[in-house]
Amino acid sequence: MSLQKQYTEYLRELEIDVRQGINDSLTSEKYGTLNSLNFHEDDQGVWLEASVQLRNIETPWMFRRVVVRPDGPLDSPLMASTLLSTAMVEDLDTLPWPPASA
């Protein structure tokens, strides 16, 4: 059984929480807007991939993190969404502005 099927409920809850958290973070920091949020699975686990339309940048910026490892998730959906939102803002904060590679 795939990890996405095994953790369907976890990923559903995570998607709701992380979508809200990322939207709130992007809005409060005035970085841009969330274009899409998807899950992909490979041998390292289930990845969350967010496409963000940054303010005044034509090409979307991509954010990608493992959210479920082969041995399962490390955190509750709410904690994971908080960590993901924080990590994304930290990544954006460290980019030269405007990001040349966005």
Protein backbone atom coordinates (compact mmCIF):
# COMPACT_ATOMS: atom_id res chain seq x y z
CA MET A 1 0.00 0.00 0.00
CA SER A 2 1.34 3.45 -0.89
CA LEU A 3 2.08 5.96 1.85
CA GLN A 4 -0.48 8.34 0.36
CA LYS A 5 -3.18 5.69 0.73
CA GLN A 6 -1.96 4.59 4.14
CA TYR A 7 -1.99 8.18 5.47
CA THR A 8 -4.96 9.57 3.52
CA GLU A 9 -6.66 11.11 6.56
CA TYR A 10 -3.40 12.60 7.86
CA LEU A 11 -2.66 14.18 4.45
CA ARG A 12 -6.22 15.52 4.17
CA GLU A 13 -5.93 17.22 7.56
CA LEU A 14 -2.42 18.43 6.76
CA GLU A 15 -3.56 19.95 3.47
CA ILE A 16 -6.32 21.95 5.18
CA ASP A 17 -3.99 23.20 7.94
CA VAL A 18 -0.98 23.91 5.73
CA ARG A 19 -3.03 25.69 3.06
CA GLN A 20 -4.37 28.07 5.71
CA GLY A 21 -0.98 28.51 7.37
CA ILE A 22 0.85 29.19 4.11
CA ASN A 23 -1.82 31.62 2.90
CA ASP A 24 -1.71 33.47 6.23
CA SER A 25 2.11 33.62 6.16
CA LEU A 26 2.28 34.80 2.56
CA THR A 27 -0.35 37.47 3.20
CA SER A 28 1.14 38.77 6.45
CA GLU A 29 4.66 38.92 4.98
CA LYS A 30 3.31 40.35 1.67
CA TYR A 31 5.31 37.86 -0.40
CA GLY A 32 2.58 36.79 -2.80
CA THR A 33 -0.08 34.11 -3.18
CA LEU A 34 -0.28 30.33 -3.13
CA ASN A 35 -0.89 28.95 -6.65
CA SER A 36 -1.10 25.25 -5.86
CA LEU A 37 -0.43 22.65 -3.19
CA ASN A 38 0.19 19.02 -4.16
CA PHE A 39 1.49 15.78 -2.68
CA HIS A 40 3.92 13.48 -4.52
CA GLU A 41 5.36 10.17 -3.37
CA ASP A 42 8.76 8.63 -4.03
CA ASP A 43 11.13 6.29 -2.18
CA GLN A 44 11.91 9.04 0.38
CA GLY A 45 8.25 9.46 1.36
CA VAL A 46 5.40 11.83 0.59
CA TRP A 47 6.40 15.32 -0.46
CA LEU A 48 4.38 18.50 -0.20
CA GLU A 49 5.01 20.84 -3.12
CA ALA A 50 3.74 24.41 -3.06
CA SER A 51 3.82 26.77 -6.00
CA VAL A 52 3.90 30.41 -4.90
CA GLN A 53 3.35 33.43 -7.11
CA LEU A 54 5.72 35.99 -5.67
CA ARG A 55 4.96 39.67 -5.87
CA ASN A 56 6.44 41.23 -9.06
CA ILE A 57 8.03 37.92 -10.17
CA GLU A 58 6.77 36.22 -13.33
CA THR A 59 7.93 32.64 -12.66
CA PRO A 60 6.37 30.83 -9.65
CA TRP A 61 8.66 29.91 -6.76
CA MET A 62 8.54 26.27 -5.65
CA PHE A 63 8.71 25.03 -2.05
CA ARG A 64 9.13 21.29 -1.43
CA ARG A 65 9.43 19.26 1.77
CA VAL A 66 8.95 15.64 2.88
CA VAL A 67 5.83 15.43 5.08
CA VAL A 68 5.55 11.63 5.54
CA ARG A 69 8.68 9.50 5.70
CA PRO A 70 8.57 5.78 4.89
CA ASP A 71 8.14 5.04 8.61
CA GLY A 72 5.30 7.57 8.97
CA PRO A 73 4.76 11.23 9.84
CA LEU A 74 6.86 12.83 12.57
CA ASP A 75 4.31 15.40 13.74
CA SER A 76 0.58 15.95 14.00
CA PRO A 77 -0.98 17.69 10.98
CA LEU A 78 -1.30 20.96 12.91
CA MET A 79 2.33 20.92 14.11
CA ALA A 80 3.59 19.90 10.66
CA SER A 81 1.65 22.73 9.01
CA THR A 82 3.12 25.25 11.47
CA LEU A 83 6.64 23.97 10.78
CA LEU A 84 6.09 24.02 7.01
CA SER A 85 4.72 27.57 7.01
CA THR A 86 7.62 28.74 9.17
CA ALA A 87 10.19 26.99 6.98
CA MET A 88 8.73 28.54 3.84
CA VAL A 89 8.85 32.07 5.27
CA GLU A 90 12.41 31.47 6.49
CA ASP A 91 13.40 30.32 2.98
CA LEU A 92 11.78 33.42 1.46
CA ASP A 93 13.44 35.66 4.05
CA THR A 94 16.89 34.37 3.04
CA LEU A 95 16.42 34.85 -0.71
CA PRO A 96 17.86 37.96 -2.31
CA TRP A 97 14.89 40.20 -3.12
CA PRO A 98 13.62 40.04 -5.70
CA PRO A 99 14.70 36.40 -6.09
CA ALA A 100 16.63 36.06 -9.33
CA SER A 101 15.99 32.30 -9.51
CA ALA A 102 12.27 32.39 -8.72
